[in-house]
């Protein structure tokens, strides 16, 4: 069972991964979280990066999420192996489907 501090750290990382980590590689190197936690942190960061990328395409001010998105996908592949990027949700945001990233056995 996790202690209160690590649950609080996990909640913070899940809500705003960019505030908790400098890069997706830092998530991989973290000793504070399980593989499943790291995958979920990276998935949420991926969602944020896709949203930033779409906002940039629509002329809204903000950083381009393209480079960050690539780093996140590489980190997810390091954790989970193959990722199904062929089947994405039919939205402008796209992103990875929930079933496309699974922890390694």
N, C-alpha and C. Protein backbone atom coordinates (compact mmCIF):
# COMPACT_ATOMS: atom_id res chain seq x y z
N UNK A 1 0.84 -1.18 0.00
CA UNK A 1 0.00 0.00 0.00
C UNK A 1 0.88 1.25 0.00
N UNK A 2 0.52 2.22 -0.81
CA UNK A 2 1.30 3.44 -0.91
C UNK A 2 1.06 4.33 0.30
N UNK A 3 2.09 5.10 0.65
CA UNK A 3 1.89 6.04 1.75
C UNK A 3 1.18 7.29 1.24
N UNK A 4 0.72 8.12 2.15
CA UNK A 4 -0.04 9.32 1.80
C UNK A 4 0.76 10.24 0.89
N UNK A 5 2.04 10.38 1.16
CA UNK A 5 2.89 11.28 0.37
C UNK A 5 2.95 10.82 -1.08
N UNK A 6 3.16 9.53 -1.33
CA UNK A 6 3.28 9.07 -2.71
C UNK A 6 1.95 9.18 -3.45
N UNK A 7 0.83 8.99 -2.75
CA UNK A 7 -0.47 9.18 -3.40
C UNK A 7 -0.64 10.64 -3.80
N UNK A 8 -0.22 11.54 -2.94
CA UNK A 8 -0.30 12.97 -3.25
C UNK A 8 0.60 13.31 -4.44
N UNK A 9 1.79 12.75 -4.47
CA UNK A 9 2.71 12.97 -5.60
C UNK A 9 2.12 12.42 -6.89
N UNK A 10 1.50 11.25 -6.81
CA UNK A 10 0.88 10.66 -7.99
C UNK A 10 -0.27 11.51 -8.48
N UNK A 11 -1.13 11.96 -7.58
CA UNK A 11 -2.25 12.82 -7.97
C UNK A 11 -1.75 14.08 -8.68
N UNK A 12 -0.71 14.69 -8.14
CA UNK A 12 -0.14 15.90 -8.74
C UNK A 12 0.41 15.59 -10.14
N UNK A 13 1.14 14.49 -10.25
CA UNK A 13 1.73 14.11 -11.53
C UNK A 13 0.65 13.80 -12.57
N UNK A 14 -0.44 13.20 -12.14
CA UNK A 14 -1.52 12.87 -13.06
C UNK A 14 -2.27 14.13 -13.52
N UNK A 15 -2.44 15.07 -12.62
CA UNK A 15 -3.16 16.30 -12.96
C UNK A 15 -2.35 17.22 -13.88
N UNK A 16 -1.04 17.28 -13.64
CA UNK A 16 -0.19 18.18 -14.44
C UNK A 16 1.20 17.59 -14.57
N UNK A 17 1.38 16.64 -15.48
CA UNK A 17 2.67 15.99 -15.64
C UNK A 17 3.82 16.96 -15.90
N UNK A 18 3.57 18.00 -16.67
CA UNK A 18 4.63 18.97 -17.00
C UNK A 18 5.11 19.73 -15.78
N UNK A 19 4.28 19.87 -14.77
CA UNK A 19 4.70 20.54 -13.54
C UNK A 19 5.51 19.62 -12.64
N UNK A 20 5.37 18.32 -12.83
CA UNK A 20 6.07 17.34 -12.00
C UNK A 20 7.36 16.83 -12.63
N UNK A 21 7.45 16.90 -13.96
CA UNK A 21 8.60 16.35 -14.68
C UNK A 21 9.06 17.33 -15.75
N UNK A 22 10.38 17.41 -15.96
CA UNK A 22 10.93 18.28 -17.00
C UNK A 22 10.74 17.69 -18.38
N UNK A 23 10.74 16.36 -18.46
CA UNK A 23 10.61 15.70 -19.76
C UNK A 23 9.99 14.32 -19.56
N UNK A 24 9.47 13.73 -20.63
CA UNK A 24 8.95 12.36 -20.54
C UNK A 24 10.03 11.36 -20.08
N UNK A 25 11.26 11.59 -20.45
CA UNK A 25 12.35 10.71 -20.00
C UNK A 25 12.47 10.72 -18.48
N UNK A 26 12.18 11.85 -17.86
CA UNK A 26 12.22 11.92 -16.40
C UNK A 26 11.16 11.02 -15.76
N UNK A 27 10.03 10.86 -16.44
CA UNK A 27 9.01 9.94 -15.95
C UNK A 27 9.58 8.52 -15.96
N UNK A 28 10.23 8.15 -17.06
CA UNK A 28 10.83 6.81 -17.16
C UNK A 28 11.84 6.56 -16.06
N UNK A 29 12.64 7.57 -15.74
CA UNK A 29 13.72 7.41 -14.77
C UNK A 29 13.26 7.53 -13.32
N UNK A 30 12.03 7.92 -13.10
CA UNK A 30 11.51 8.09 -11.75
C UNK A 30 11.44 6.75 -11.02
N UNK A 31 11.87 6.76 -9.78
CA UNK A 31 11.77 5.58 -8.93
C UNK A 31 10.53 5.64 -8.03
N UNK A 32 9.80 6.75 -8.11
CA UNK A 32 8.66 6.97 -7.21
C UNK A 32 7.38 6.27 -7.65
N UNK A 33 7.30 5.88 -8.93
CA UNK A 33 6.04 5.37 -9.45
C UNK A 33 6.21 4.00 -10.11
N UNK A 34 5.13 3.23 -10.08
CA UNK A 34 5.12 1.92 -10.73
C UNK A 34 5.05 2.10 -12.25
N UNK A 35 5.24 1.00 -12.96
CA UNK A 35 5.14 1.04 -14.42
C UNK A 35 3.75 1.51 -14.84
N UNK A 36 2.71 0.99 -14.21
CA UNK A 36 1.34 1.40 -14.55
C UNK A 36 1.13 2.89 -14.30
N UNK A 37 1.66 3.38 -13.18
CA UNK A 37 1.54 4.82 -12.87
C UNK A 37 2.25 5.65 -13.93
N UNK A 38 3.45 5.23 -14.33
CA UNK A 38 4.21 5.96 -15.34
C UNK A 38 3.47 6.00 -16.67
N UNK A 39 2.86 4.88 -17.04
CA UNK A 39 2.09 4.83 -18.29
C UNK A 39 0.92 5.81 -18.21
N UNK A 40 0.23 5.83 -17.09
CA UNK A 40 -0.92 6.73 -16.96
C UNK A 40 -0.48 8.20 -16.97
N UNK A 41 0.63 8.50 -16.32
CA UNK A 41 1.17 9.87 -16.34
C UNK A 41 1.49 10.28 -17.77
N UNK A 42 2.17 9.40 -18.50
CA UNK A 42 2.53 9.70 -19.88
C UNK A 42 1.30 9.80 -20.79
N UNK A 43 0.30 8.97 -20.56
CA UNK A 43 -0.94 9.05 -21.35
C UNK A 43 -1.62 10.40 -21.14
N UNK A 44 -1.65 10.85 -19.91
CA UNK A 44 -2.28 12.15 -19.64
C UNK A 44 -1.45 13.28 -20.23
N UNK A 45 -0.13 13.14 -20.20
CA UNK A 45 0.74 14.15 -20.81
C UNK A 45 0.53 14.14 -22.32
N UNK A 46 0.35 12.96 -22.89
CA UNK A 46 0.10 12.85 -24.33
C UNK A 46 -1.18 13.59 -24.69
N UNK A 47 -2.21 13.43 -23.88
CA UNK A 47 -3.47 14.13 -24.12
C UNK A 47 -3.25 15.65 -24.10
N UNK A 48 -2.52 16.13 -23.10
CA UNK A 48 -2.23 17.56 -23.00
C UNK A 48 -1.45 18.06 -24.22
N UNK A 49 -0.45 17.27 -24.66
CA UNK A 49 0.37 17.67 -25.81
C UNK A 49 -0.46 17.73 -27.09
N UNK A 50 -1.38 16.78 -27.26
CA UNK A 50 -2.25 16.78 -28.43
C UNK A 50 -3.15 18.01 -28.39
N UNK A 51 -3.69 18.33 -27.23
CA UNK A 51 -4.54 19.51 -27.09
C UNK A 51 -3.76 20.79 -27.44
N UNK A 52 -2.51 20.89 -26.99
CA UNK A 52 -1.68 22.06 -27.31
C UNK A 52 -1.42 22.15 -28.81
N UNK A 53 -1.18 21.01 -29.43
CA UNK A 53 -0.91 20.98 -30.85
C UNK A 53 -2.14 21.44 -31.65
N UNK A 54 -3.31 20.98 -31.27
CA UNK A 54 -4.55 21.38 -31.94
C UNK A 54 -4.79 22.87 -31.73
N UNK A 55 -4.56 23.36 -30.52
CA UNK A 55 -4.75 24.79 -30.24
C UNK A 55 -3.82 25.62 -31.12
N UNK A 56 -2.59 25.17 -31.30
CA UNK A 56 -1.64 25.87 -32.17
C UNK A 56 -2.11 25.91 -33.60
N UNK A 57 -2.68 24.79 -34.07
CA UNK A 57 -3.21 24.73 -35.44
C UNK A 57 -4.37 25.69 -35.62
N UNK A 58 -5.10 25.93 -34.57
CA UNK A 58 -6.26 26.81 -34.65
C UNK A 58 -5.92 28.27 -34.38
N UNK A 59 -4.63 28.56 -34.31
CA UNK A 59 -4.18 29.93 -34.16
C UNK A 59 -4.15 30.45 -32.74
N UNK A 60 -4.38 29.57 -31.77
CA UNK A 60 -4.31 30.00 -30.38
C UNK A 60 -2.85 30.06 -29.96
N UNK A 61 -2.55 31.00 -29.09
CA UNK A 61 -1.19 31.17 -28.62
C UNK A 61 -0.84 30.02 -27.68
N UNK A 62 0.33 29.47 -27.85
CA UNK A 62 0.78 28.39 -26.99
C UNK A 62 1.89 27.62 -27.66
N UNK A 63 2.60 26.81 -26.89
CA UNK A 63 3.70 26.04 -27.45
C UNK A 63 3.20 24.93 -28.36
N UNK A 64 4.00 24.57 -29.33
CA UNK A 64 3.68 23.46 -30.21
C UNK A 64 3.98 22.16 -29.47
N UNK A 65 3.01 21.26 -29.43
CA UNK A 65 3.18 20.01 -28.71
C UNK A 65 3.81 18.90 -29.53
N UNK A 66 4.20 19.15 -30.79
CA UNK A 66 4.71 18.10 -31.67
C UNK A 66 5.95 17.40 -31.17
N UNK A 67 6.97 18.16 -30.80
CA UNK A 67 8.21 17.56 -30.29
C UNK A 67 7.96 16.82 -28.99
N UNK A 68 7.20 17.44 -28.12
CA UNK A 68 6.86 16.82 -26.85
C UNK A 68 6.07 15.54 -27.07
N UNK A 69 5.14 15.58 -27.99
CA UNK A 69 4.33 14.41 -28.29
C UNK A 69 5.20 13.25 -28.75
N UNK A 70 6.17 13.53 -29.58
CA UNK A 70 7.09 12.49 -30.05
C UNK A 70 7.87 11.90 -28.87
N UNK A 71 8.34 12.73 -27.97
CA UNK A 71 9.07 12.26 -26.78
C UNK A 71 8.19 11.38 -25.91
N UNK A 72 6.92 11.75 -25.78
CA UNK A 72 5.99 10.98 -24.96
C UNK A 72 5.75 9.60 -25.57
N UNK A 73 5.53 9.55 -26.87
CA UNK A 73 5.29 8.27 -27.54
C UNK A 73 6.52 7.37 -27.42
N UNK A 74 7.70 7.94 -27.55
CA UNK A 74 8.93 7.15 -27.39
C UNK A 74 9.02 6.60 -25.96
N UNK A 75 8.71 7.42 -24.98
CA UNK A 75 8.74 6.97 -23.58
C UNK A 75 7.70 5.87 -23.34
N UNK A 76 6.51 6.02 -23.91
CA UNK A 76 5.49 4.98 -23.76
C UNK A 76 5.93 3.68 -24.41
N UNK A 77 6.58 3.77 -25.56
CA UNK A 77 7.09 2.55 -26.21
C UNK A 77 8.17 1.89 -25.34
N UNK A 78 9.01 2.69 -24.70
CA UNK A 78 10.03 2.13 -23.81
C UNK A 78 9.39 1.37 -22.65
N UNK A 79 8.28 1.88 -22.16
CA UNK A 79 7.59 1.24 -21.03
C UNK A 79 6.73 0.06 -21.45
N UNK A 80 6.00 0.21 -22.53
CA UNK A 80 4.97 -0.77 -22.86
C UNK A 80 5.26 -1.61 -24.09
N UNK A 81 6.28 -1.26 -24.84
CA UNK A 81 6.53 -1.98 -26.08
C UNK A 81 5.71 -1.39 -27.21
N UNK A 82 5.17 -2.24 -28.06
CA UNK A 82 4.41 -1.78 -29.21
C UNK A 82 3.17 -0.99 -28.79
N UNK A 83 2.90 0.07 -29.54
CA UNK A 83 1.73 0.90 -29.31
C UNK A 83 0.93 0.92 -30.60
N UNK A 84 -0.36 0.70 -30.49
CA UNK A 84 -1.23 0.71 -31.66
C UNK A 84 -1.56 2.16 -32.01
N UNK A 85 -0.81 2.73 -32.95
CA UNK A 85 -1.06 4.11 -33.37
C UNK A 85 -1.92 4.17 -34.63
N UNK A 86 -2.30 3.01 -35.17
CA UNK A 86 -3.12 2.97 -36.38
C UNK A 86 -4.58 3.27 -36.11
N UNK A 87 -5.02 3.02 -34.89
CA UNK A 87 -6.43 3.21 -34.55
C UNK A 87 -6.52 4.31 -33.49
N UNK A 88 -6.89 5.51 -33.95
CA UNK A 88 -7.03 6.64 -33.04
C UNK A 88 -8.48 7.11 -33.05
N UNK A 89 -8.91 7.79 -32.01
CA UNK A 89 -10.29 8.27 -31.98
C UNK A 89 -10.57 9.19 -33.17
N UNK A 90 -11.79 9.17 -33.67
CA UNK A 90 -12.15 9.98 -34.85
C UNK A 90 -12.44 11.44 -34.50
N UNK A 91 -11.47 12.08 -33.88
CA UNK A 91 -11.62 13.49 -33.52
C UNK A 91 -10.43 14.25 -34.06
N UNK A 92 -10.51 15.54 -34.08
CA UNK A 92 -9.40 16.36 -34.54
C UNK A 92 -8.18 16.15 -33.64
N UNK A 93 -8.43 15.92 -32.36
CA UNK A 93 -7.34 15.72 -31.42
C UNK A 93 -6.64 14.39 -31.64
N UNK A 94 -7.36 13.39 -32.12
CA UNK A 94 -6.74 12.09 -32.32
C UNK A 94 -6.28 11.53 -31.00
N UNK A 95 -4.99 11.35 -30.84
CA UNK A 95 -4.46 10.81 -29.60
C UNK A 95 -4.48 9.30 -29.61
N UNK A 96 -3.95 8.72 -28.57
CA UNK A 96 -3.90 7.27 -28.46
C UNK A 96 -5.16 6.75 -27.80
N UNK A 97 -5.71 5.69 -28.36
CA UNK A 97 -6.87 5.06 -27.76
C UNK A 97 -6.46 4.40 -26.45
N UNK A 98 -7.37 4.27 -25.53
CA UNK A 98 -7.10 3.71 -24.21
C UNK A 98 -6.47 2.32 -24.32
N UNK A 99 -6.93 1.50 -25.25
CA UNK A 99 -6.42 0.13 -25.39
C UNK A 99 -5.09 0.06 -26.14
N UNK A 100 -4.60 1.16 -26.67
CA UNK A 100 -3.40 1.11 -27.50
C UNK A 100 -2.10 0.98 -26.71
N UNK A 101 -2.16 1.27 -25.41
CA UNK A 101 -0.96 1.19 -24.56
C UNK A 101 -1.26 0.27 -23.39
N UNK A 102 -0.52 -0.82 -23.31
CA UNK A 102 -0.72 -1.77 -22.21
C UNK A 102 0.62 -2.05 -21.55
N UNK A 103 0.64 -2.16 -20.22
CA UNK A 103 1.90 -2.50 -19.55
C UNK A 103 2.43 -3.84 -20.01
N UNK A 104 3.74 -3.95 -20.05
CA UNK A 104 4.34 -5.23 -20.38
C UNK A 104 4.08 -6.22 -19.26
N UNK A 105 3.99 -7.48 -19.61
CA UNK A 105 3.72 -8.51 -18.60
C UNK A 105 4.94 -8.77 -17.76
